Amino acid sequence: MIALAIQVTLEDEGVTSFDIAATEADAIAMADKQRPTFITSDVALLEGTGPRAVAAILAKHGSIPVLFLTGNPEDCVPVTPPAVVLTKPFDARQIALTYRALTSLVPD
């Protein structure tokens, strides 16, 4: 449900392509298939963790803006820019504003 709400918010911001991964391995495989231009991630996945998946993706594909949405922000540390951590509970406005801020840092 949360992933769908995040997707709807990002669609309102103009995002047109989404992959939703339940595991660390799935996230990495999806990024290898198509390099993401923006990543949202929770800490807890069914297998593995979001921060480890993100680290692996960034190591392979370079700098990509990342938005961690989690109830456990301490598990995202250290976060390297361009990355932001929003702590649950969060709302659509916070997600939209953070998305805009992060993507404004990426050259066209």
N, C-alpha and C. Protein backbone atom coordinates (compact mmCIF):
# COMPACT_ATOMS: atom_id res chain seq x y z
N MET A 1 0.82 -1.19 0.00
CA MET A 1 0.00 0.00 0.00
C MET A 1 0.87 1.26 0.00
N ILE A 2 1.93 1.24 0.82
CA ILE A 2 2.80 2.42 0.89
C ILE A 2 3.50 2.64 -0.45
N ALA A 3 3.98 1.55 -1.07
CA ALA A 3 4.66 1.67 -2.36
C ALA A 3 3.72 2.26 -3.40
N LEU A 4 2.46 1.85 -3.39
CA LEU A 4 1.50 2.38 -4.35
C LEU A 4 1.25 3.87 -4.10
N ALA A 5 1.14 4.27 -2.86
CA ALA A 5 0.94 5.69 -2.53
C ALA A 5 2.15 6.52 -2.99
N ILE A 6 3.34 6.01 -2.80
CA ILE A 6 4.55 6.70 -3.25
C ILE A 6 4.54 6.80 -4.77
N GLN A 7 4.16 5.71 -5.44
CA GLN A 7 4.10 5.72 -6.90
C GLN A 7 3.12 6.78 -7.40
N VAL A 8 1.94 6.85 -6.81
CA VAL A 8 0.94 7.85 -7.23
C VAL A 8 1.49 9.26 -7.05
N THR A 9 2.15 9.50 -5.92
CA THR A 9 2.74 10.82 -5.68
C THR A 9 3.77 11.16 -6.74
N LEU A 10 4.63 10.22 -7.08
CA LEU A 10 5.66 10.47 -8.07
C LEU A 10 5.07 10.58 -9.48
N GLU A 11 4.00 9.85 -9.76
CA GLU A 11 3.32 10.02 -11.04
C GLU A 11 2.79 11.45 -11.18
N ASP A 12 2.28 11.99 -10.07
CA ASP A 12 1.82 13.38 -10.08
C ASP A 12 2.95 14.35 -10.37
N GLU A 13 4.19 13.93 -10.10
CA GLU A 13 5.37 14.75 -10.38
C GLU A 13 5.93 14.50 -11.78
N GLY A 14 5.29 13.61 -12.54
CA GLY A 14 5.71 13.37 -13.91
C GLY A 14 6.53 12.12 -14.14
N VAL A 15 6.76 11.32 -13.11
CA VAL A 15 7.51 10.08 -13.27
C VAL A 15 6.63 9.09 -14.03
N THR A 16 7.21 8.41 -15.03
CA THR A 16 6.41 7.54 -15.88
C THR A 16 6.81 6.07 -15.84
N SER A 17 7.91 5.74 -15.19
CA SER A 17 8.38 4.36 -15.18
C SER A 17 8.74 3.95 -13.75
N PHE A 18 8.27 2.79 -13.34
CA PHE A 18 8.50 2.31 -11.98
C PHE A 18 8.86 0.83 -11.98
N ASP A 19 9.76 0.46 -11.10
CA ASP A 19 10.00 -0.95 -10.77
C ASP A 19 9.91 -1.04 -9.27
N ILE A 20 9.21 -2.03 -8.77
CA ILE A 20 9.09 -2.23 -7.33
C ILE A 20 9.73 -3.57 -6.98
N ALA A 21 10.76 -3.52 -6.15
CA ALA A 21 11.50 -4.72 -5.78
C ALA A 21 11.21 -5.08 -4.32
N ALA A 22 11.03 -6.36 -4.08
CA ALA A 22 10.77 -6.83 -2.73
C ALA A 22 12.05 -7.28 -2.02
N THR A 23 13.10 -7.53 -2.81
CA THR A 23 14.35 -8.01 -2.21
C THR A 23 15.53 -7.19 -2.72
N GLU A 24 16.62 -7.29 -1.99
CA GLU A 24 17.86 -6.61 -2.39
C GLU A 24 18.31 -7.09 -3.77
N ALA A 25 18.30 -8.39 -3.98
CA ALA A 25 18.74 -8.95 -5.27
C ALA A 25 17.84 -8.48 -6.41
N ASP A 26 16.53 -8.43 -6.18
CA ASP A 26 15.61 -7.96 -7.22
C ASP A 26 15.89 -6.50 -7.58
N ALA A 27 16.13 -5.67 -6.58
CA ALA A 27 16.41 -4.25 -6.82
C ALA A 27 17.65 -4.08 -7.68
N ILE A 28 18.69 -4.82 -7.36
CA ILE A 28 19.93 -4.74 -8.12
C ILE A 28 19.73 -5.23 -9.55
N ALA A 29 19.02 -6.34 -9.70
CA ALA A 29 18.77 -6.89 -11.04
C ALA A 29 17.95 -5.92 -11.89
N MET A 30 16.94 -5.30 -11.29
CA MET A 30 16.12 -4.34 -12.03
C MET A 30 16.94 -3.13 -12.47
N ALA A 31 17.81 -2.66 -11.60
CA ALA A 31 18.67 -1.52 -11.95
C ALA A 31 19.67 -1.89 -13.04
N ASP A 32 20.14 -3.14 -13.03
CA ASP A 32 21.06 -3.59 -14.07
C ASP A 32 20.35 -3.67 -15.42
N LYS A 33 19.07 -4.02 -15.39
CA LYS A 33 18.29 -4.12 -16.63
C LYS A 33 18.00 -2.75 -17.21
N GLN A 34 17.65 -1.80 -16.34
CA GLN A 34 17.39 -0.42 -16.76
C GLN A 34 17.87 0.52 -15.66
N ARG A 35 18.90 1.31 -15.96
CA ARG A 35 19.46 2.22 -14.97
C ARG A 35 18.40 3.20 -14.50
N PRO A 36 18.17 3.24 -13.18
CA PRO A 36 17.17 4.19 -12.67
C PRO A 36 17.69 5.63 -12.70
N THR A 37 16.75 6.57 -12.81
CA THR A 37 17.12 7.98 -12.72
C THR A 37 16.80 8.53 -11.34
N PHE A 38 16.05 7.75 -10.55
CA PHE A 38 15.67 8.14 -9.19
C PHE A 38 15.34 6.85 -8.45
N ILE A 39 15.75 6.77 -7.18
CA ILE A 39 15.50 5.57 -6.38
C ILE A 39 14.76 5.96 -5.11
N THR A 40 13.69 5.23 -4.80
CA THR A 40 13.09 5.30 -3.47
C THR A 40 13.33 3.95 -2.83
N SER A 41 13.61 3.96 -1.53
CA SER A 41 13.92 2.71 -0.85
C SER A 41 13.54 2.77 0.62
N ASP A 42 13.06 1.64 1.11
CA ASP A 42 12.90 1.45 2.55
C ASP A 42 14.15 0.74 3.03
N VAL A 43 14.33 0.67 4.33
CA VAL A 43 15.45 -0.08 4.89
C VAL A 43 15.15 -1.58 4.81
N ALA A 44 13.98 -1.96 5.28
CA ALA A 44 13.62 -3.37 5.39
C ALA A 44 13.05 -3.89 4.08
N LEU A 45 13.62 -4.96 3.58
CA LEU A 45 13.11 -5.66 2.42
C LEU A 45 12.83 -7.11 2.84
N LEU A 46 12.13 -7.85 2.02
CA LEU A 46 11.85 -9.25 2.38
C LEU A 46 13.13 -10.04 2.57
N GLU A 47 14.11 -9.76 1.73
CA GLU A 47 15.45 -10.34 1.87
C GLU A 47 16.46 -9.24 1.61
N GLY A 48 17.41 -9.06 2.51
CA GLY A 48 18.41 -8.02 2.36
C GLY A 48 17.88 -6.68 2.86
N THR A 49 18.62 -5.63 2.51
CA THR A 49 18.22 -4.29 2.96
C THR A 49 18.26 -3.30 1.80
N GLY A 50 17.46 -2.26 1.93
CA GLY A 50 17.46 -1.19 0.94
C GLY A 50 18.81 -0.49 0.84
N PRO A 51 19.41 -0.09 1.97
CA PRO A 51 20.70 0.59 1.87
C PRO A 51 21.78 -0.24 1.17
N ARG A 52 21.81 -1.55 1.40
CA ARG A 52 22.80 -2.39 0.70
C ARG A 52 22.49 -2.45 -0.79
N ALA A 53 21.21 -2.56 -1.13
CA ALA A 53 20.82 -2.58 -2.55
C ALA A 53 21.22 -1.26 -3.21
N VAL A 54 20.91 -0.16 -2.56
CA VAL A 54 21.24 1.15 -3.11
C VAL A 54 22.75 1.29 -3.27
N ALA A 55 23.52 0.88 -2.29
CA ALA A 55 24.98 0.97 -2.39
C ALA A 55 25.50 0.18 -3.59
N ALA A 56 24.96 -1.01 -3.80
CA ALA A 56 25.39 -1.83 -4.93
C ALA A 56 25.01 -1.18 -6.26
N ILE A 57 23.81 -0.62 -6.32
CA ILE A 57 23.35 0.04 -7.55
C ILE A 57 24.22 1.26 -7.86
N LEU A 58 24.49 2.06 -6.85
CA LEU A 58 25.32 3.26 -7.06
C LEU A 58 26.75 2.88 -7.45
N ALA A 59 27.28 1.81 -6.88
CA ALA A 59 28.63 1.37 -7.22
C ALA A 59 28.72 0.97 -8.69
N LYS A 60 27.65 0.39 -9.23
CA LYS A 60 27.64 -0.04 -10.63
C LYS A 60 27.25 1.07 -11.60
N HIS A 61 26.34 1.95 -11.16
CA HIS A 61 25.72 2.87 -12.11
C HIS A 61 26.01 4.34 -11.84
N GLY A 62 26.80 4.64 -10.84
CA GLY A 62 27.15 6.03 -10.57
C GLY A 62 26.10 6.75 -9.77
N SER A 63 26.22 8.04 -9.69
CA SER A 63 25.36 8.87 -8.87
C SER A 63 23.92 8.88 -9.38
N ILE A 64 22.99 8.56 -8.49
CA ILE A 64 21.56 8.57 -8.76
C ILE A 64 20.90 9.14 -7.51
N PRO A 65 19.98 10.08 -7.65
CA PRO A 65 19.29 10.60 -6.47
C PRO A 65 18.51 9.48 -5.75
N VAL A 66 18.59 9.48 -4.41
CA VAL A 66 17.97 8.43 -3.61
C VAL A 66 17.13 9.06 -2.50
N LEU A 67 15.92 8.54 -2.35
CA LEU A 67 15.04 8.93 -1.26
C LEU A 67 14.72 7.70 -0.44
N PHE A 68 15.27 7.65 0.78
CA PHE A 68 14.94 6.58 1.72
C PHE A 68 13.70 7.01 2.49
N LEU A 69 12.71 6.13 2.55
CA LEU A 69 11.47 6.36 3.28
C LEU A 69 11.37 5.24 4.30
N THR A 70 11.57 5.57 5.58
CA THR A 70 11.74 4.50 6.56
C THR A 70 11.31 4.91 7.95
N GLY A 71 11.02 3.93 8.74
CA GLY A 71 10.78 4.15 10.16
C GLY A 71 12.05 3.97 10.96
N ASN A 72 13.13 3.58 10.28
CA ASN A 72 14.41 3.34 10.95
C ASN A 72 15.52 4.15 10.27
N PRO A 73 15.50 5.48 10.41
CA PRO A 73 16.48 6.31 9.70
C PRO A 73 17.92 6.02 10.11
N GLU A 74 18.12 5.59 11.34
CA GLU A 74 19.48 5.29 11.79
C GLU A 74 20.11 4.16 10.98
N ASP A 75 19.30 3.31 10.35
CA ASP A 75 19.83 2.21 9.56
C ASP A 75 20.24 2.64 8.15
N CYS A 76 20.02 3.91 7.81
CA CYS A 76 20.44 4.45 6.51
C CYS A 76 21.78 5.16 6.61
N VAL A 77 22.31 5.31 7.78
CA VAL A 77 23.54 6.06 7.99
C VAL A 77 24.73 5.15 7.70
N PRO A 78 25.77 5.61 7.00
CA PRO A 78 25.87 6.95 6.43
C PRO A 78 25.15 7.03 5.08
N VAL A 79 24.50 8.13 4.86
CA VAL A 79 23.82 8.41 3.60
C VAL A 79 24.70 9.40 2.85
N THR A 80 24.99 9.09 1.61
CA THR A 80 25.82 9.99 0.83
C THR A 80 24.96 10.71 -0.21
N PRO A 81 25.17 12.00 -0.34
CA PRO A 81 24.40 12.76 -1.34
C PRO A 81 24.66 12.22 -2.74
N PRO A 82 23.72 12.31 -3.65
CA PRO A 82 22.41 12.91 -3.45
C PRO A 82 21.41 11.91 -2.87
N ALA A 83 21.27 11.91 -1.58
CA ALA A 83 20.30 11.05 -0.89
C ALA A 83 19.70 11.79 0.29
N VAL A 84 18.44 11.50 0.55
CA VAL A 84 17.71 12.11 1.65
C VAL A 84 16.94 11.00 2.36
N VAL A 85 16.80 11.13 3.66
CA VAL A 85 16.01 10.17 4.44
C VAL A 85 14.78 10.88 4.98
N LEU A 86 13.59 10.36 4.66
CA LEU A 86 12.35 10.83 5.27
C LEU A 86 11.90 9.75 6.25
N THR A 87 11.56 10.18 7.45
CA THR A 87 11.15 9.25 8.49
C THR A 87 9.63 9.12 8.52
N LYS A 88 9.16 7.88 8.62
CA LYS A 88 7.72 7.63 8.76
C LYS A 88 7.25 8.21 10.07
N PRO A 89 6.08 8.79 10.14
CA PRO A 89 5.14 8.96 9.03
C PRO A 89 5.54 10.14 8.16
N PHE A 90 5.35 10.00 6.87
CA PHE A 90 5.60 11.07 5.92
C PHE A 90 4.33 11.23 5.09
N ASP A 91 4.27 12.31 4.33
CA ASP A 91 3.08 12.52 3.51
C ASP A 91 3.49 12.80 2.07
N ALA A 92 2.49 12.84 1.20
CA ALA A 92 2.73 13.02 -0.23
C ALA A 92 3.46 14.33 -0.52
N ARG A 93 3.12 15.37 0.20
CA ARG A 93 3.77 16.67 -0.02
C ARG A 93 5.27 16.58 0.25
N GLN A 94 5.65 15.93 1.36
CA GLN A 94 7.07 15.78 1.67
C GLN A 94 7.80 14.99 0.58
N ILE A 95 7.17 13.94 0.11
CA ILE A 95 7.78 13.13 -0.95
C ILE A 95 7.94 13.97 -2.21
N ALA A 96 6.90 14.69 -2.61
CA ALA A 96 6.96 15.50 -3.82
C ALA A 96 8.04 16.58 -3.72
N LEU A 97 8.09 17.28 -2.60
CA LEU A 97 9.09 18.33 -2.43
C LEU A 97 10.52 17.77 -2.44
N THR A 98 10.70 16.64 -1.81
CA THR A 98 12.03 16.01 -1.78
C THR A 98 12.42 15.52 -3.17
N TYR A 99 11.47 14.93 -3.87
CA TYR A 99 11.74 14.49 -5.25
C TYR A 99 12.18 15.68 -6.10
N ARG A 100 11.45 16.77 -6.03
CA ARG A 100 11.80 17.96 -6.82
C ARG A 100 13.19 18.46 -6.46
N ALA A 101 13.48 18.51 -5.16
CA ALA A 101 14.79 19.01 -4.72
C ALA A 101 15.92 18.10 -5.22
N LEU A 102 15.74 16.80 -5.09
CA LEU A 102 16.79 15.87 -5.50
C LEU A 102 16.99 15.87 -7.02
N THR A 103 15.91 15.89 -7.77
CA THR A 103 16.07 15.83 -9.23
C THR A 103 16.53 17.16 -9.80
N SER A 104 16.36 18.25 -9.07
CA SER A 104 16.87 19.53 -9.56
C SER A 104 18.40 19.57 -9.52
N LEU A 105 19.01 18.66 -8.76
CA LEU A 105 20.46 18.60 -8.65
C LEU A 105 21.10 17.83 -9.79
N VAL A 106 20.29 17.11 -10.57
CA VAL A 106 20.80 16.26 -11.64
C VAL A 106 20.79 17.04 -12.94
N PRO A 107 21.96 17.13 -13.61
CA PRO A 107 21.99 17.86 -14.89
C PRO A 107 21.16 17.14 -15.94
N ASP A 108 20.54 17.90 -16.84
CA ASP A 108 19.72 17.32 -17.92
C ASP A 108 20.56 16.64 -18.96
